[in-house]
Every structure is written in structure tokens, then in C-alpha cells.
N, C-alpha and C. Protein backbone atom coordinates (compact mmCIF):
# COMPACT_ATOMS: atom_id res chain seq x y z
N MET A 1 35.55 -5.68 -39.12
CA MET A 1 34.52 -6.68 -39.14
C MET A 1 34.35 -7.33 -37.77
N SER A 2 35.46 -7.67 -37.14
CA SER A 2 35.39 -8.32 -35.83
C SER A 2 34.86 -7.35 -34.77
N SER A 3 35.16 -6.06 -34.90
CA SER A 3 34.65 -5.09 -33.92
C SER A 3 33.14 -4.94 -34.05
N ARG A 4 32.61 -5.03 -35.28
CA ARG A 4 31.16 -4.95 -35.47
C ARG A 4 30.48 -6.19 -34.87
N LEU A 5 31.08 -7.34 -35.07
CA LEU A 5 30.53 -8.57 -34.52
C LEU A 5 30.56 -8.53 -33.00
N LEU A 6 31.64 -8.05 -32.44
CA LEU A 6 31.75 -7.91 -31.00
C LEU A 6 30.70 -6.94 -30.47
N LEU A 7 30.47 -5.85 -31.17
CA LEU A 7 29.47 -4.86 -30.78
C LEU A 7 28.06 -5.47 -30.82
N VAL A 8 27.75 -6.22 -31.86
CA VAL A 8 26.43 -6.85 -32.00
C VAL A 8 26.21 -7.87 -30.88
N VAL A 9 27.21 -8.67 -30.58
CA VAL A 9 27.10 -9.67 -29.51
C VAL A 9 26.90 -8.97 -28.16
N ALA A 10 27.63 -7.89 -27.93
CA ALA A 10 27.50 -7.16 -26.67
C ALA A 10 26.09 -6.56 -26.52
N VAL A 11 25.57 -6.01 -27.60
CA VAL A 11 24.22 -5.43 -27.55
C VAL A 11 23.18 -6.52 -27.30
N LEU A 12 23.32 -7.67 -27.94
CA LEU A 12 22.38 -8.77 -27.74
C LEU A 12 22.42 -9.29 -26.30
N LEU A 13 23.62 -9.44 -25.75
CA LEU A 13 23.74 -9.91 -24.37
C LEU A 13 23.12 -8.90 -23.40
N PHE A 14 23.39 -7.64 -23.63
CA PHE A 14 22.83 -6.60 -22.75
C PHE A 14 21.31 -6.57 -22.87
N GLY A 15 20.80 -6.73 -24.08
CA GLY A 15 19.35 -6.76 -24.30
C GLY A 15 18.70 -7.95 -23.63
N CYS A 16 19.34 -9.10 -23.67
CA CYS A 16 18.79 -10.29 -23.01
C CYS A 16 18.78 -10.13 -21.50
N MET A 17 19.79 -9.48 -20.96
CA MET A 17 19.83 -9.27 -19.52
C MET A 17 18.74 -8.30 -19.08
N ALA A 18 18.39 -7.34 -19.91
CA ALA A 18 17.36 -6.37 -19.56
C ALA A 18 15.97 -6.99 -19.63
N VAL A 19 15.78 -8.04 -20.44
CA VAL A 19 14.47 -8.66 -20.61
C VAL A 19 14.18 -9.65 -19.48
N VAL A 20 15.18 -10.28 -18.91
CA VAL A 20 14.99 -11.27 -17.87
C VAL A 20 14.48 -10.55 -16.62
N PRO A 21 13.30 -10.96 -16.09
CA PRO A 21 12.77 -10.28 -14.90
C PRO A 21 13.58 -10.66 -13.67
N SER A 22 13.77 -9.70 -12.83
CA SER A 22 14.48 -9.96 -11.59
C SER A 22 13.48 -10.32 -10.50
N GLU A 23 13.96 -10.77 -9.37
CA GLU A 23 13.09 -11.15 -8.27
C GLU A 23 12.35 -9.94 -7.70
N HIS A 24 12.92 -8.76 -7.82
CA HIS A 24 12.32 -7.56 -7.24
C HIS A 24 11.30 -6.91 -8.15
N SER A 25 11.18 -7.35 -9.39
CA SER A 25 10.26 -6.71 -10.32
C SER A 25 8.85 -7.29 -10.26
N THR A 26 8.66 -8.36 -9.50
CA THR A 26 7.33 -8.94 -9.41
C THR A 26 6.50 -8.21 -8.36
N ILE A 27 5.20 -8.30 -8.49
CA ILE A 27 4.31 -7.67 -7.52
C ILE A 27 4.21 -8.59 -6.32
N GLU A 28 4.57 -8.06 -5.15
CA GLU A 28 4.61 -8.88 -3.96
C GLU A 28 3.26 -9.01 -3.29
N ASP A 29 2.41 -8.00 -3.38
CA ASP A 29 1.15 -8.00 -2.66
C ASP A 29 0.01 -8.25 -3.63
N HIS A 30 -0.26 -9.52 -3.94
CA HIS A 30 -1.28 -9.87 -4.93
C HIS A 30 -2.69 -9.69 -4.37
N GLU A 31 -2.87 -9.67 -3.05
CA GLU A 31 -4.20 -9.58 -2.47
C GLU A 31 -4.78 -8.18 -2.55
N THR A 32 -3.96 -7.17 -2.69
CA THR A 32 -4.48 -5.81 -2.67
C THR A 32 -4.55 -5.20 -4.05
N GLN A 33 -4.24 -5.96 -5.10
CA GLN A 33 -4.30 -5.40 -6.45
C GLN A 33 -4.99 -6.38 -7.38
N ALA A 34 -5.68 -5.86 -8.35
CA ALA A 34 -6.37 -6.69 -9.34
C ALA A 34 -6.02 -6.19 -10.72
N VAL A 35 -5.98 -7.09 -11.67
CA VAL A 35 -5.64 -6.73 -13.04
C VAL A 35 -6.94 -6.51 -13.81
N VAL A 36 -7.02 -5.39 -14.50
CA VAL A 36 -8.16 -5.11 -15.37
C VAL A 36 -7.81 -5.62 -16.75
N LYS A 37 -8.62 -6.53 -17.28
CA LYS A 37 -8.33 -7.11 -18.59
C LYS A 37 -9.03 -6.31 -19.67
N GLY A 38 -8.47 -6.32 -20.83
CA GLY A 38 -9.06 -5.60 -21.95
C GLY A 38 -8.02 -4.70 -22.59
N ALA A 39 -8.50 -3.76 -23.39
CA ALA A 39 -7.60 -2.88 -24.13
C ALA A 39 -6.81 -1.96 -23.20
N ASN A 40 -7.40 -1.59 -22.08
CA ASN A 40 -6.76 -0.64 -21.16
C ASN A 40 -6.33 -1.38 -19.90
N ARG A 41 -5.27 -2.16 -19.98
CA ARG A 41 -4.81 -2.95 -18.85
C ARG A 41 -4.05 -2.09 -17.87
N ARG A 42 -4.39 -2.25 -16.62
CA ARG A 42 -3.70 -1.52 -15.55
C ARG A 42 -3.98 -2.22 -14.23
N LEU A 43 -3.23 -1.88 -13.22
CA LEU A 43 -3.44 -2.45 -11.89
C LEU A 43 -4.29 -1.49 -11.08
N LEU A 44 -5.33 -2.03 -10.46
CA LEU A 44 -6.19 -1.23 -9.60
C LEU A 44 -6.16 -1.83 -8.20
N PRO A 45 -6.33 -0.99 -7.19
CA PRO A 45 -6.38 -1.54 -5.84
C PRO A 45 -7.61 -2.42 -5.67
N PHE A 46 -7.44 -3.55 -5.01
CA PHE A 46 -8.55 -4.45 -4.76
C PHE A 46 -9.18 -4.06 -3.44
N LEU A 47 -10.50 -3.85 -3.45
CA LEU A 47 -11.22 -3.51 -2.24
C LEU A 47 -12.20 -4.62 -1.90
N ASN A 48 -12.28 -4.95 -0.63
CA ASN A 48 -13.29 -5.88 -0.15
C ASN A 48 -14.53 -5.03 0.16
N CYS A 49 -15.33 -4.73 -0.87
CA CYS A 49 -16.47 -3.83 -0.70
C CYS A 49 -17.47 -4.39 0.31
N GLU A 50 -17.69 -5.68 0.29
CA GLU A 50 -18.67 -6.26 1.20
C GLU A 50 -18.26 -6.05 2.65
N GLY A 51 -17.02 -6.34 2.97
CA GLY A 51 -16.55 -6.17 4.35
C GLY A 51 -16.52 -4.72 4.78
N LEU A 52 -16.03 -3.85 3.90
CA LEU A 52 -15.97 -2.43 4.24
C LEU A 52 -17.35 -1.84 4.41
N CYS A 53 -18.31 -2.24 3.54
CA CYS A 53 -19.66 -1.70 3.64
C CYS A 53 -20.40 -2.27 4.85
N ASN A 54 -20.15 -3.51 5.21
CA ASN A 54 -20.76 -4.06 6.43
C ASN A 54 -20.31 -3.28 7.65
N GLN A 55 -19.04 -2.92 7.68
CA GLN A 55 -18.52 -2.13 8.79
C GLN A 55 -19.10 -0.72 8.77
N ARG A 56 -19.17 -0.12 7.58
CA ARG A 56 -19.69 1.24 7.43
C ARG A 56 -21.16 1.31 7.86
N CYS A 57 -21.95 0.31 7.53
CA CYS A 57 -23.40 0.33 7.78
C CYS A 57 -23.81 -0.40 9.05
N SER A 58 -22.87 -0.77 9.90
CA SER A 58 -23.19 -1.57 11.08
C SER A 58 -24.11 -0.85 12.06
N LYS A 59 -24.06 0.46 12.14
CA LYS A 59 -24.90 1.21 13.08
C LYS A 59 -26.03 1.96 12.39
N HIS A 60 -26.26 1.67 11.11
CA HIS A 60 -27.31 2.35 10.35
C HIS A 60 -28.68 1.83 10.78
N SER A 61 -29.71 2.67 10.69
CA SER A 61 -31.06 2.24 11.07
C SER A 61 -31.61 1.20 10.10
N ARG A 62 -31.17 1.22 8.86
CA ARG A 62 -31.58 0.23 7.85
C ARG A 62 -30.31 -0.36 7.22
N PRO A 63 -29.68 -1.31 7.90
CA PRO A 63 -28.37 -1.80 7.45
C PRO A 63 -28.39 -2.47 6.08
N ASN A 64 -29.48 -3.16 5.71
CA ASN A 64 -29.52 -3.83 4.41
C ASN A 64 -29.55 -2.83 3.27
N VAL A 65 -30.36 -1.78 3.40
CA VAL A 65 -30.43 -0.75 2.38
C VAL A 65 -29.10 0.00 2.29
N CYS A 66 -28.53 0.29 3.45
CA CYS A 66 -27.24 0.99 3.49
C CYS A 66 -26.15 0.16 2.83
N THR A 67 -26.10 -1.14 3.13
CA THR A 67 -25.06 -2.00 2.57
C THR A 67 -25.20 -2.12 1.06
N ARG A 68 -26.43 -2.20 0.56
CA ARG A 68 -26.64 -2.29 -0.89
C ARG A 68 -26.18 -1.01 -1.59
N ALA A 69 -26.54 0.15 -1.05
CA ALA A 69 -26.13 1.42 -1.65
C ALA A 69 -24.62 1.61 -1.54
N CYS A 70 -24.07 1.24 -0.39
CA CYS A 70 -22.63 1.37 -0.18
C CYS A 70 -21.86 0.48 -1.15
N GLY A 71 -22.37 -0.73 -1.40
CA GLY A 71 -21.72 -1.64 -2.33
C GLY A 71 -21.68 -1.08 -3.75
N THR A 72 -22.77 -0.45 -4.17
CA THR A 72 -22.81 0.18 -5.49
C THR A 72 -21.79 1.31 -5.57
N CYS A 73 -21.75 2.14 -4.54
CA CYS A 73 -20.81 3.27 -4.53
C CYS A 73 -19.37 2.78 -4.48
N CYS A 74 -19.12 1.72 -3.73
CA CYS A 74 -17.77 1.17 -3.63
C CYS A 74 -17.29 0.63 -4.97
N MET A 75 -18.16 -0.07 -5.68
CA MET A 75 -17.78 -0.62 -6.98
C MET A 75 -17.52 0.48 -8.00
N ARG A 76 -18.31 1.54 -7.97
CA ARG A 76 -18.14 2.61 -8.95
C ARG A 76 -16.99 3.53 -8.61
N CYS A 77 -16.83 3.86 -7.33
CA CYS A 77 -15.83 4.86 -6.92
C CYS A 77 -14.56 4.25 -6.37
N LYS A 78 -14.54 2.94 -6.13
CA LYS A 78 -13.37 2.24 -5.58
C LYS A 78 -12.93 2.84 -4.25
N CYS A 79 -13.93 3.18 -3.40
CA CYS A 79 -13.61 3.79 -2.12
C CYS A 79 -14.80 3.64 -1.17
N VAL A 80 -14.51 3.45 0.12
CA VAL A 80 -15.52 3.50 1.18
C VAL A 80 -14.93 4.38 2.28
N PRO A 81 -15.66 5.42 2.71
CA PRO A 81 -15.12 6.31 3.75
C PRO A 81 -14.92 5.59 5.07
N PRO A 82 -13.98 6.04 5.87
CA PRO A 82 -13.76 5.42 7.18
C PRO A 82 -14.88 5.76 8.16
N GLY A 83 -15.09 4.89 9.12
CA GLY A 83 -16.09 5.14 10.15
C GLY A 83 -17.47 4.68 9.74
N THR A 84 -18.45 4.92 10.64
CA THR A 84 -19.81 4.49 10.39
C THR A 84 -20.69 5.60 9.84
N ALA A 85 -20.23 6.84 9.89
CA ALA A 85 -21.00 7.96 9.35
C ALA A 85 -20.05 9.12 9.06
N GLY A 86 -20.47 10.00 8.15
CA GLY A 86 -19.64 11.16 7.82
C GLY A 86 -18.42 10.78 7.02
N ASN A 87 -17.46 11.64 6.97
CA ASN A 87 -16.17 11.44 6.29
C ASN A 87 -16.33 11.15 4.80
N ARG A 88 -17.44 11.54 4.19
CA ARG A 88 -17.69 11.22 2.79
C ARG A 88 -16.69 11.92 1.87
N GLU A 89 -16.15 13.04 2.29
CA GLU A 89 -15.20 13.79 1.47
C GLU A 89 -13.90 13.03 1.25
N ALA A 90 -13.64 12.03 2.09
CA ALA A 90 -12.41 11.25 1.96
C ALA A 90 -12.37 10.47 0.64
N CYS A 91 -13.53 10.21 0.05
CA CYS A 91 -13.59 9.44 -1.20
C CYS A 91 -13.73 10.32 -2.44
N GLY A 92 -13.78 11.62 -2.28
CA GLY A 92 -13.80 12.50 -3.44
C GLY A 92 -15.18 12.73 -4.01
N THR A 93 -15.22 13.38 -5.16
CA THR A 93 -16.48 13.81 -5.75
C THR A 93 -17.31 12.66 -6.29
N CYS A 94 -16.68 11.57 -6.70
CA CYS A 94 -17.45 10.42 -7.19
C CYS A 94 -18.41 9.95 -6.10
N TYR A 95 -17.93 9.85 -4.89
CA TYR A 95 -18.73 9.35 -3.77
C TYR A 95 -19.72 10.41 -3.28
N THR A 96 -19.30 11.64 -3.22
CA THR A 96 -20.16 12.69 -2.65
C THR A 96 -21.23 13.18 -3.61
N ASP A 97 -21.01 13.07 -4.90
CA ASP A 97 -21.95 13.63 -5.88
C ASP A 97 -22.91 12.60 -6.48
N MET A 98 -22.78 11.33 -6.15
CA MET A 98 -23.67 10.33 -6.73
C MET A 98 -25.06 10.46 -6.11
N THR A 99 -26.08 10.50 -6.95
CA THR A 99 -27.46 10.66 -6.47
C THR A 99 -28.36 9.57 -7.03
N THR A 100 -29.54 9.42 -6.40
CA THR A 100 -30.54 8.48 -6.87
C THR A 100 -31.36 9.14 -7.97
N HIS A 101 -32.37 8.44 -8.47
CA HIS A 101 -33.25 9.01 -9.48
C HIS A 101 -34.06 10.19 -8.95
N HIS A 102 -34.22 10.24 -7.62
CA HIS A 102 -34.97 11.33 -6.98
C HIS A 102 -34.05 12.41 -6.43
N ASN A 103 -32.80 12.45 -6.90
CA ASN A 103 -31.80 13.44 -6.49
C ASN A 103 -31.48 13.43 -5.01
N HIS A 104 -31.61 12.27 -4.36
CA HIS A 104 -31.13 12.12 -2.99
C HIS A 104 -29.70 11.58 -3.06
N LEU A 105 -28.90 11.88 -2.05
CA LEU A 105 -27.53 11.36 -2.03
C LEU A 105 -27.57 9.84 -1.90
N LYS A 106 -26.87 9.16 -2.78
CA LYS A 106 -26.92 7.71 -2.84
C LYS A 106 -25.98 7.06 -1.84
N CYS A 107 -24.79 7.57 -1.73
CA CYS A 107 -23.75 6.88 -0.95
C CYS A 107 -23.83 7.25 0.53
N PRO A 108 -23.87 6.23 1.40
CA PRO A 108 -23.96 6.48 2.84
C PRO A 108 -22.66 6.97 3.45
């Protein structure tokens, strides 16, 4: 009887120690991650779409149109290619295959 009680106490203590969060289990970089709320909770990288698209479209002939399209692509694909032109393949098929209603490439 005493061995069973000792076993139960040991299991409870071990279980309590496993539940207590340690200092290393917290997310240290809160600025680069965002929590998606709802049934499918997960951590996604946080992107500053406005800043990245302003940089991407800085040398475009129509910067306002470019920034608006880039912002849409950034929100949907969670990516903005590096540089001011080209490098679209760096963001994958979501970015490269998105088209307008007239089948023109949407993402700059």
C-alpha cells in the first residue's frame, strides 16, 4: 500500500514539474511572429508588408499601383522578393502564379 502511494506521489510531482514552463520555453522574438486565432492556431512569421513593398516598388514607374499590388501579394503569400525587380521565384508559386482578371501577372 505504501509503495503504491509513493508511486502516485512521485508521478504527480513529476507531472507537475513537466507542466511548469521554463524560462527557455517562451518565444523570445515576439516582433517577428504572430498568432493566428481560431480553430487552426499556429505561429506565422510577421511581415511588415508596407515597408517591404515600399522598398520593392521604390524604382517602379508607377509606385502607388506597384505598392498596392505588392501589398495584396504579400498578405496572401506571406512573402516579398528581395530587390526592386526580378527574383520573383524566391517567393514560390503563390507569388509567381497570381494573376489579375485579365490574366496579367499581379505581383511585381
